[in-house]
Amino acid sequence: MSALAFGAVAWADPPAAVPAGDLDKVQGYWKPLQCDYEGKAQMPTEVMKQVTVVFDKSEYHLYFKDTKLDKDGKPIIFRLALAGVSFDSSTSPKSITFEFAEGPLKGKKSHGIYELAGNQLKMCYGSTDKPKPTKFEAPANSGLFLETWARQVK
């Protein structure tokens, strides 16, 4: 197994046998193209460049690379969230579920819909306390996130 480096953090490549279906198609590194919450951008474009999602088997890791360097001159990487993730391609639209194990949403669950098209992953999701979205939109006061991610090629 080779290690992939992201700043000061290294991960092992996913094993050859990952779960079948769309989960195996999303394995790897993704950068945000759009991150909205209730119809408003969550962060400026420059900050989005510092964010990376890694799908590693059935885990979702959300990282932020600080512009500051540590005492050794290496980038400081923060893991903002860790969640178990599952994809269900048998529904229409396709369904996604997150179970957060770390970060500010620890212990919470989110559900939503997704669309995987080539090297882009579009998701619309919110808390399981509310109905699962049926469209890719996150209007004001909906409690929904609308995100588009682009696969990063090694």
N, C-alpha and C. Protein backbone atom coordinates (compact mmCIF):
# COMPACT_ATOMS: atom_id res chain seq x y z
N MET A 1 0.83 -1.18 0.00
CA MET A 1 0.00 0.00 0.00
C MET A 1 0.87 1.24 0.00
N SER A 2 0.58 2.18 -0.88
CA SER A 2 1.33 3.43 -0.88
C SER A 2 0.59 4.47 -0.07
N ALA A 3 1.30 5.46 0.37
CA ALA A 3 0.67 6.53 1.16
C ALA A 3 0.52 7.76 0.29
N LEU A 4 -0.61 8.44 0.45
CA LEU A 4 -0.86 9.70 -0.24
C LEU A 4 -0.70 10.81 0.77
N ALA A 5 -0.03 11.86 0.42
CA ALA A 5 0.20 12.94 1.36
C ALA A 5 -0.69 14.13 1.03
N PHE A 6 -1.24 14.73 2.03
CA PHE A 6 -2.01 15.96 1.93
C PHE A 6 -1.46 16.87 2.99
N GLY A 7 -0.49 17.66 2.60
CA GLY A 7 0.16 18.52 3.59
C GLY A 7 0.93 17.65 4.57
N ALA A 8 0.66 17.81 5.86
CA ALA A 8 1.37 17.07 6.89
C ALA A 8 0.68 15.76 7.24
N VAL A 9 -0.45 15.47 6.60
CA VAL A 9 -1.21 14.27 6.91
C VAL A 9 -1.02 13.28 5.78
N ALA A 10 -0.89 12.00 6.09
CA ALA A 10 -0.76 10.97 5.05
C ALA A 10 -1.82 9.90 5.27
N TRP A 11 -2.34 9.37 4.18
CA TRP A 11 -3.33 8.32 4.25
C TRP A 11 -2.87 7.17 3.39
N ALA A 12 -3.30 5.97 3.74
CA ALA A 12 -3.00 4.83 2.88
C ALA A 12 -4.02 4.79 1.76
N ASP A 13 -3.62 4.30 0.60
CA ASP A 13 -4.57 4.12 -0.50
C ASP A 13 -5.67 3.18 -0.04
N PRO A 14 -6.92 3.38 -0.53
CA PRO A 14 -7.98 2.45 -0.18
C PRO A 14 -7.61 1.05 -0.65
N PRO A 15 -8.06 0.02 0.07
CA PRO A 15 -7.75 -1.34 -0.35
C PRO A 15 -8.40 -1.64 -1.70
N ALA A 16 -7.92 -2.67 -2.35
CA ALA A 16 -8.44 -3.04 -3.67
C ALA A 16 -9.92 -3.38 -3.60
N ALA A 17 -10.37 -3.96 -2.49
CA ALA A 17 -11.76 -4.36 -2.37
C ALA A 17 -12.54 -3.34 -1.55
N VAL A 18 -13.23 -2.42 -2.21
CA VAL A 18 -14.12 -1.48 -1.53
C VAL A 18 -15.54 -1.89 -1.86
N PRO A 19 -16.52 -1.43 -1.06
CA PRO A 19 -17.90 -1.82 -1.33
C PRO A 19 -18.33 -1.49 -2.75
N ALA A 20 -19.15 -2.34 -3.32
CA ALA A 20 -19.62 -2.15 -4.69
C ALA A 20 -20.61 -0.99 -4.77
N GLY A 21 -20.91 -0.59 -5.99
CA GLY A 21 -21.88 0.48 -6.21
C GLY A 21 -21.21 1.84 -6.26
N ASP A 22 -22.00 2.88 -5.99
CA ASP A 22 -21.47 4.23 -6.09
C ASP A 22 -20.42 4.53 -5.03
N LEU A 23 -20.45 3.84 -3.90
CA LEU A 23 -19.44 4.08 -2.87
C LEU A 23 -18.04 3.81 -3.43
N ASP A 24 -17.89 2.77 -4.22
CA ASP A 24 -16.55 2.52 -4.78
C ASP A 24 -16.18 3.57 -5.83
N LYS A 25 -17.16 4.21 -6.45
CA LYS A 25 -16.88 5.22 -7.47
C LYS A 25 -16.45 6.57 -6.89
N VAL A 26 -16.72 6.80 -5.61
CA VAL A 26 -16.36 8.10 -5.01
C VAL A 26 -15.06 8.05 -4.21
N GLN A 27 -14.43 6.89 -4.12
CA GLN A 27 -13.21 6.77 -3.33
C GLN A 27 -12.16 7.78 -3.79
N GLY A 28 -11.52 8.42 -2.83
CA GLY A 28 -10.46 9.36 -3.14
C GLY A 28 -10.74 10.77 -2.67
N TYR A 29 -10.06 11.73 -3.30
CA TYR A 29 -10.02 13.13 -2.88
C TYR A 29 -10.95 13.98 -3.75
N TRP A 30 -11.66 14.91 -3.11
CA TRP A 30 -12.62 15.80 -3.79
C TRP A 30 -12.45 17.22 -3.29
N LYS A 31 -12.59 18.19 -4.20
CA LYS A 31 -12.52 19.62 -3.86
C LYS A 31 -13.88 20.25 -4.14
N PRO A 32 -14.30 21.21 -3.32
CA PRO A 32 -15.61 21.83 -3.51
C PRO A 32 -15.65 22.80 -4.68
N LEU A 33 -16.73 22.74 -5.43
CA LEU A 33 -17.03 23.73 -6.47
C LEU A 33 -18.14 24.66 -5.98
N GLN A 34 -19.02 24.12 -5.13
CA GLN A 34 -20.15 24.87 -4.57
C GLN A 34 -20.44 24.29 -3.20
N CYS A 35 -20.61 25.15 -2.21
CA CYS A 35 -21.00 24.74 -0.86
C CYS A 35 -21.97 25.78 -0.32
N ASP A 36 -23.26 25.49 -0.46
CA ASP A 36 -24.29 26.42 0.00
C ASP A 36 -25.06 25.82 1.17
N TYR A 37 -25.53 26.69 2.04
CA TYR A 37 -26.42 26.30 3.13
C TYR A 37 -27.59 27.26 3.10
N GLU A 38 -28.79 26.73 2.97
CA GLU A 38 -30.01 27.53 2.92
C GLU A 38 -29.90 28.65 1.88
N GLY A 39 -29.33 28.31 0.72
CA GLY A 39 -29.28 29.26 -0.39
C GLY A 39 -28.16 30.27 -0.35
N LYS A 40 -27.28 30.18 0.65
CA LYS A 40 -26.16 31.12 0.75
C LYS A 40 -24.84 30.37 0.75
N ALA A 41 -23.84 30.95 0.08
CA ALA A 41 -22.51 30.35 0.04
C ALA A 41 -21.96 30.22 1.45
N GLN A 42 -21.38 29.05 1.76
CA GLN A 42 -20.81 28.82 3.09
C GLN A 42 -19.44 29.45 3.25
N MET A 43 -18.74 29.63 2.12
CA MET A 43 -17.38 30.18 2.20
C MET A 43 -17.00 30.79 0.86
N PRO A 44 -16.09 31.76 0.89
CA PRO A 44 -15.60 32.34 -0.37
C PRO A 44 -14.79 31.32 -1.17
N THR A 45 -14.64 31.57 -2.45
CA THR A 45 -13.90 30.68 -3.35
C THR A 45 -12.50 30.41 -2.84
N GLU A 46 -11.80 31.43 -2.34
CA GLU A 46 -10.43 31.25 -1.84
C GLU A 46 -10.38 30.26 -0.68
N VAL A 47 -11.38 30.29 0.19
CA VAL A 47 -11.42 29.36 1.33
C VAL A 47 -11.75 27.95 0.84
N MET A 48 -12.61 27.84 -0.17
CA MET A 48 -12.95 26.51 -0.70
C MET A 48 -11.70 25.78 -1.19
N LYS A 49 -10.70 26.52 -1.66
CA LYS A 49 -9.45 25.89 -2.12
C LYS A 49 -8.72 25.19 -0.99
N GLN A 50 -9.02 25.55 0.26
CA GLN A 50 -8.37 24.97 1.43
C GLN A 50 -9.11 23.75 1.96
N VAL A 51 -10.23 23.41 1.37
CA VAL A 51 -11.08 22.32 1.85
C VAL A 51 -10.93 21.10 0.93
N THR A 52 -10.87 19.93 1.55
CA THR A 52 -10.80 18.67 0.82
C THR A 52 -11.66 17.64 1.53
N VAL A 53 -12.40 16.86 0.76
CA VAL A 53 -13.11 15.70 1.28
C VAL A 53 -12.40 14.46 0.77
N VAL A 54 -12.24 13.49 1.67
CA VAL A 54 -11.67 12.20 1.30
C VAL A 54 -12.69 11.13 1.63
N PHE A 55 -13.04 10.34 0.62
CA PHE A 55 -13.86 9.15 0.84
C PHE A 55 -12.89 7.98 0.94
N ASP A 56 -12.85 7.35 2.10
CA ASP A 56 -11.97 6.21 2.35
C ASP A 56 -12.84 5.06 2.83
N LYS A 57 -13.08 4.11 1.93
CA LYS A 57 -14.03 3.01 2.16
C LYS A 57 -15.38 3.65 2.48
N SER A 58 -15.95 3.38 3.64
CA SER A 58 -17.27 3.95 3.97
C SER A 58 -17.15 5.12 4.93
N GLU A 59 -15.98 5.80 4.92
CA GLU A 59 -15.78 6.97 5.76
C GLU A 59 -15.65 8.23 4.92
N TYR A 60 -16.20 9.31 5.45
CA TYR A 60 -16.17 10.64 4.85
C TYR A 60 -15.32 11.50 5.78
N HIS A 61 -14.20 12.02 5.28
CA HIS A 61 -13.30 12.88 6.05
C HIS A 61 -13.32 14.27 5.42
N LEU A 62 -13.59 15.28 6.22
CA LEU A 62 -13.60 16.66 5.75
C LEU A 62 -12.41 17.39 6.37
N TYR A 63 -11.49 17.89 5.51
CA TYR A 63 -10.26 18.52 5.97
C TYR A 63 -10.20 19.98 5.55
N PHE A 64 -9.49 20.77 6.37
CA PHE A 64 -9.21 22.17 6.08
C PHE A 64 -7.71 22.38 6.22
N LYS A 65 -7.08 22.95 5.18
CA LYS A 65 -5.65 23.24 5.18
C LYS A 65 -5.46 24.72 5.49
N ASP A 66 -4.95 25.00 6.68
CA ASP A 66 -4.74 26.37 7.12
C ASP A 66 -3.66 27.04 6.27
N THR A 67 -3.74 28.35 6.14
CA THR A 67 -2.72 29.09 5.39
C THR A 67 -1.47 29.28 6.23
N LYS A 68 -1.59 29.06 7.54
CA LYS A 68 -0.43 29.17 8.42
C LYS A 68 0.36 27.86 8.39
N LEU A 69 1.64 27.96 8.70
CA LEU A 69 2.51 26.79 8.74
C LEU A 69 2.87 26.47 10.18
N ASP A 70 3.17 25.19 10.44
CA ASP A 70 3.59 24.81 11.79
C ASP A 70 5.05 25.21 12.00
N LYS A 71 5.60 24.86 13.16
CA LYS A 71 6.97 25.27 13.50
C LYS A 71 8.02 24.67 12.56
N ASP A 72 7.65 23.57 11.86
CA ASP A 72 8.56 22.93 10.91
C ASP A 72 8.35 23.42 9.47
N GLY A 73 7.46 24.42 9.32
CA GLY A 73 7.20 24.98 7.99
C GLY A 73 6.24 24.16 7.14
N LYS A 74 5.52 23.24 7.77
CA LYS A 74 4.57 22.40 7.04
C LYS A 74 3.15 22.94 7.25
N PRO A 75 2.27 22.73 6.26
CA PRO A 75 0.89 23.20 6.40
C PRO A 75 0.19 22.53 7.59
N ILE A 76 -0.68 23.29 8.22
CA ILE A 76 -1.47 22.76 9.34
C ILE A 76 -2.80 22.26 8.77
N ILE A 77 -3.11 20.99 9.01
CA ILE A 77 -4.32 20.37 8.49
C ILE A 77 -5.25 20.06 9.65
N PHE A 78 -6.50 20.48 9.53
CA PHE A 78 -7.51 20.19 10.54
C PHE A 78 -8.55 19.24 9.94
N ARG A 79 -8.91 18.21 10.67
CA ARG A 79 -10.05 17.39 10.24
C ARG A 79 -11.28 18.01 10.88
N LEU A 80 -12.15 18.54 10.05
CA LEU A 80 -13.35 19.21 10.53
C LEU A 80 -14.47 18.22 10.86
N ALA A 81 -14.49 17.10 10.15
CA ALA A 81 -15.55 16.12 10.38
C ALA A 81 -15.11 14.74 9.92
N LEU A 82 -15.64 13.75 10.61
CA LEU A 82 -15.50 12.35 10.23
C LEU A 82 -16.89 11.75 10.33
N ALA A 83 -17.30 11.09 9.26
CA ALA A 83 -18.63 10.49 9.26
C ALA A 83 -18.61 9.16 8.51
N GLY A 84 -19.45 8.26 8.94
CA GLY A 84 -19.73 7.08 8.15
C GLY A 84 -20.67 7.53 7.05
N VAL A 85 -20.49 7.00 5.84
CA VAL A 85 -21.33 7.43 4.73
C VAL A 85 -21.84 6.20 3.99
N SER A 86 -23.09 6.27 3.56
CA SER A 86 -23.64 5.19 2.74
C SER A 86 -24.39 5.80 1.57
N PHE A 87 -24.33 5.11 0.44
CA PHE A 87 -24.98 5.52 -0.79
C PHE A 87 -26.00 4.47 -1.16
N ASP A 88 -27.19 4.89 -1.59
CA ASP A 88 -28.23 3.96 -2.05
C ASP A 88 -28.65 4.39 -3.44
N SER A 89 -28.16 3.66 -4.44
CA SER A 89 -28.46 4.01 -5.83
C SER A 89 -29.77 3.40 -6.31
N SER A 90 -30.48 2.69 -5.42
CA SER A 90 -31.75 2.06 -5.83
C SER A 90 -32.93 3.01 -5.71
N THR A 91 -32.73 4.18 -5.08
CA THR A 91 -33.82 5.15 -4.93
C THR A 91 -33.76 6.17 -6.06
N SER A 92 -34.84 6.91 -6.25
CA SER A 92 -34.86 7.95 -7.26
C SER A 92 -35.45 9.22 -6.64
N PRO A 93 -34.64 10.28 -6.46
CA PRO A 93 -33.21 10.35 -6.73
C PRO A 93 -32.41 9.45 -5.77
N LYS A 94 -31.15 9.23 -6.08
CA LYS A 94 -30.29 8.38 -5.27
C LYS A 94 -30.12 9.00 -3.88
N SER A 95 -29.96 8.15 -2.85
CA SER A 95 -29.90 8.60 -1.46
C SER A 95 -28.51 8.48 -0.85
N ILE A 96 -28.21 9.42 0.06
CA ILE A 96 -26.96 9.40 0.81
C ILE A 96 -27.29 9.63 2.28
N THR A 97 -26.51 8.97 3.16
CA THR A 97 -26.69 9.13 4.60
C THR A 97 -25.33 9.30 5.25
N PHE A 98 -25.25 10.25 6.18
CA PHE A 98 -24.04 10.50 6.95
C PHE A 98 -24.33 10.24 8.43
N GLU A 99 -23.39 9.60 9.14
CA GLU A 99 -23.45 9.45 10.59
C GLU A 99 -22.14 10.01 11.13
N PHE A 100 -22.20 11.20 11.76
CA PHE A 100 -21.00 11.92 12.16
C PHE A 100 -20.40 11.34 13.44
N ALA A 101 -19.09 11.03 13.37
CA ALA A 101 -18.36 10.45 14.49
C ALA A 101 -17.44 11.46 15.17
N GLU A 102 -17.09 12.55 14.45
CA GLU A 102 -16.23 13.61 14.98
C GLU A 102 -16.67 14.94 14.43
N GLY A 103 -16.25 16.00 15.12
CA GLY A 103 -16.55 17.35 14.66
C GLY A 103 -17.79 17.91 15.33
N PRO A 104 -18.22 19.11 14.90
CA PRO A 104 -19.34 19.78 15.55
C PRO A 104 -20.66 19.02 15.41
N LEU A 105 -20.77 18.12 14.44
CA LEU A 105 -22.00 17.35 14.25
C LEU A 105 -21.91 15.95 14.85
N LYS A 106 -20.91 15.69 15.68
CA LYS A 106 -20.71 14.38 16.28
C LYS A 106 -22.01 13.86 16.90
N GLY A 107 -22.35 12.61 16.56
CA GLY A 107 -23.55 11.99 17.10
C GLY A 107 -24.81 12.28 16.29
N LYS A 108 -24.71 13.13 15.29
CA LYS A 108 -25.88 13.49 14.47
C LYS A 108 -25.86 12.73 13.16
N LYS A 109 -27.04 12.64 12.56
CA LYS A 109 -27.19 11.99 11.26
C LYS A 109 -27.78 12.99 10.27
N SER A 110 -27.35 12.86 9.03
CA SER A 110 -27.91 13.65 7.93
C SER A 110 -28.28 12.70 6.81
N HIS A 111 -29.29 13.11 6.06
CA HIS A 111 -29.67 12.31 4.89
C HIS A 111 -30.01 13.24 3.75
N GLY A 112 -29.92 12.69 2.54
CA GLY A 112 -30.20 13.53 1.40
C GLY A 112 -30.15 12.74 0.11
N ILE A 113 -29.87 13.49 -0.95
CA ILE A 113 -29.82 12.90 -2.29
C ILE A 113 -28.48 13.26 -2.92
N TYR A 114 -28.10 12.47 -3.92
CA TYR A 114 -26.84 12.74 -4.61
C TYR A 114 -26.97 12.36 -6.07
N GLU A 115 -26.02 12.91 -6.83
CA GLU A 115 -25.91 12.61 -8.26
C GLU A 115 -24.43 12.54 -8.57
N LEU A 116 -24.00 11.44 -9.15
CA LEU A 116 -22.61 11.26 -9.53
C LEU A 116 -22.55 11.27 -11.05
N ALA A 117 -21.86 12.27 -11.60
CA ALA A 117 -21.75 12.41 -13.06
C ALA A 117 -20.28 12.64 -13.41
N GLY A 118 -19.64 11.62 -13.93
CA GLY A 118 -18.23 11.75 -14.28
C GLY A 118 -17.41 12.04 -13.04
N ASN A 119 -16.68 13.15 -13.06
CA ASN A 119 -15.83 13.53 -11.93
C ASN A 119 -16.48 14.57 -11.02
N GLN A 120 -17.81 14.64 -11.05
CA GLN A 120 -18.51 15.56 -10.15
C GLN A 120 -19.54 14.82 -9.31
N LEU A 121 -19.61 15.22 -8.05
CA LEU A 121 -20.56 14.66 -7.10
C LEU A 121 -21.40 15.82 -6.57
N LYS A 122 -22.71 15.73 -6.78
CA LYS A 122 -23.63 16.76 -6.29
C LYS A 122 -24.44 16.14 -5.16
N MET A 123 -24.56 16.89 -4.04
CA MET A 123 -25.30 16.40 -2.88
C MET A 123 -26.20 17.50 -2.34
N CYS A 124 -27.36 17.09 -1.88
CA CYS A 124 -28.27 17.97 -1.16
C CYS A 124 -28.71 17.19 0.07
N TYR A 125 -28.44 17.73 1.25
CA TYR A 125 -28.73 16.96 2.47
C TYR A 125 -29.02 17.86 3.65
N GLY A 126 -29.60 17.26 4.67
CA GLY A 126 -29.90 17.96 5.91
C GLY A 126 -30.12 16.95 7.02
N SER A 127 -30.50 17.44 8.18
CA SER A 127 -30.70 16.62 9.36
C SER A 127 -31.81 15.58 9.13
N THR A 128 -31.64 14.43 9.75
CA THR A 128 -32.68 13.39 9.65
C THR A 128 -33.93 13.77 10.45
N ASP A 129 -33.86 14.87 11.21
CA ASP A 129 -35.05 15.37 11.92
C ASP A 129 -36.09 15.94 10.95
N LYS A 130 -35.63 16.23 9.73
CA LYS A 130 -36.51 16.79 8.70
C LYS A 130 -36.62 15.81 7.54
N PRO A 131 -37.65 15.97 6.71
CA PRO A 131 -37.77 15.07 5.55
C PRO A 131 -36.56 15.17 4.63
N LYS A 132 -36.23 14.05 4.01
CA LYS A 132 -35.12 14.02 3.06
C LYS A 132 -35.49 14.87 1.85
N PRO A 133 -34.53 15.69 1.35
CA PRO A 133 -34.84 16.50 0.16
C PRO A 133 -35.14 15.61 -1.05
N THR A 134 -35.91 16.15 -1.96
CA THR A 134 -36.25 15.43 -3.19
C THR A 134 -35.73 16.14 -4.43
N LYS A 135 -35.23 17.38 -4.24
CA LYS A 135 -34.68 18.18 -5.34
C LYS A 135 -33.33 18.74 -4.91
N PHE A 136 -32.52 19.08 -5.89
CA PHE A 136 -31.22 19.68 -5.62
C PHE A 136 -31.37 21.19 -5.45
N GLU A 137 -31.94 21.56 -4.30
CA GLU A 137 -32.09 22.96 -3.94
C GLU A 137 -32.10 23.07 -2.43
N ALA A 138 -31.61 24.20 -1.94
CA ALA A 138 -31.51 24.45 -0.50
C ALA A 138 -32.02 25.85 -0.20
N PRO A 139 -33.34 26.04 -0.25
CA PRO A 139 -33.89 27.37 -0.04
C PRO A 139 -33.69 27.88 1.39
N ALA A 140 -33.89 29.17 1.57
CA ALA A 140 -33.79 29.80 2.89
C ALA A 140 -34.66 29.05 3.90
N ASN A 141 -34.15 28.92 5.11
CA ASN A 141 -34.85 28.28 6.23
C ASN A 141 -35.15 26.81 6.02
N SER A 142 -34.49 26.16 5.07
CA SER A 142 -34.75 24.74 4.81
C SER A 142 -33.89 23.82 5.67
N GLY A 143 -32.77 24.34 6.19
CA GLY A 143 -31.83 23.50 6.92
C GLY A 143 -31.03 22.58 6.01
N LEU A 144 -31.01 22.89 4.70
CA LEU A 144 -30.36 22.02 3.72
C LEU A 144 -29.05 22.59 3.20
N PHE A 145 -28.13 21.68 2.93
CA PHE A 145 -26.87 21.98 2.27
C PHE A 145 -26.98 21.55 0.82
N LEU A 146 -26.39 22.32 -0.08
CA LEU A 146 -26.31 21.96 -1.49
C LEU A 146 -24.84 22.11 -1.88
N GLU A 147 -24.23 20.99 -2.27
CA GLU A 147 -22.80 21.00 -2.54
C GLU A 147 -22.50 20.28 -3.85
N THR A 148 -21.47 20.78 -4.55
CA THR A 148 -20.94 20.11 -5.74
C THR A 148 -19.44 19.97 -5.52
N TRP A 149 -18.93 18.77 -5.74
CA TRP A 149 -17.53 18.45 -5.52
C TRP A 149 -16.91 17.92 -6.80
N ALA A 150 -15.63 18.20 -7.03
CA ALA A 150 -14.89 17.73 -8.20
C ALA A 150 -13.81 16.75 -7.73
N ARG A 151 -13.73 15.62 -8.41
CA ARG A 151 -12.70 14.62 -8.08
C ARG A 151 -11.32 15.19 -8.37
N GLN A 152 -10.38 14.91 -7.48
CA GLN A 152 -8.99 15.30 -7.66
C GLN A 152 -8.23 14.09 -8.17
N VAL A 153 -7.56 14.24 -9.29
CA VAL A 153 -6.81 13.16 -9.88
C VAL A 153 -5.42 13.16 -9.28
N LYS A 154 -4.91 11.96 -8.96
CA LYS A 154 -3.58 11.83 -8.34
C LYS A 154 -2.51 12.34 -9.27
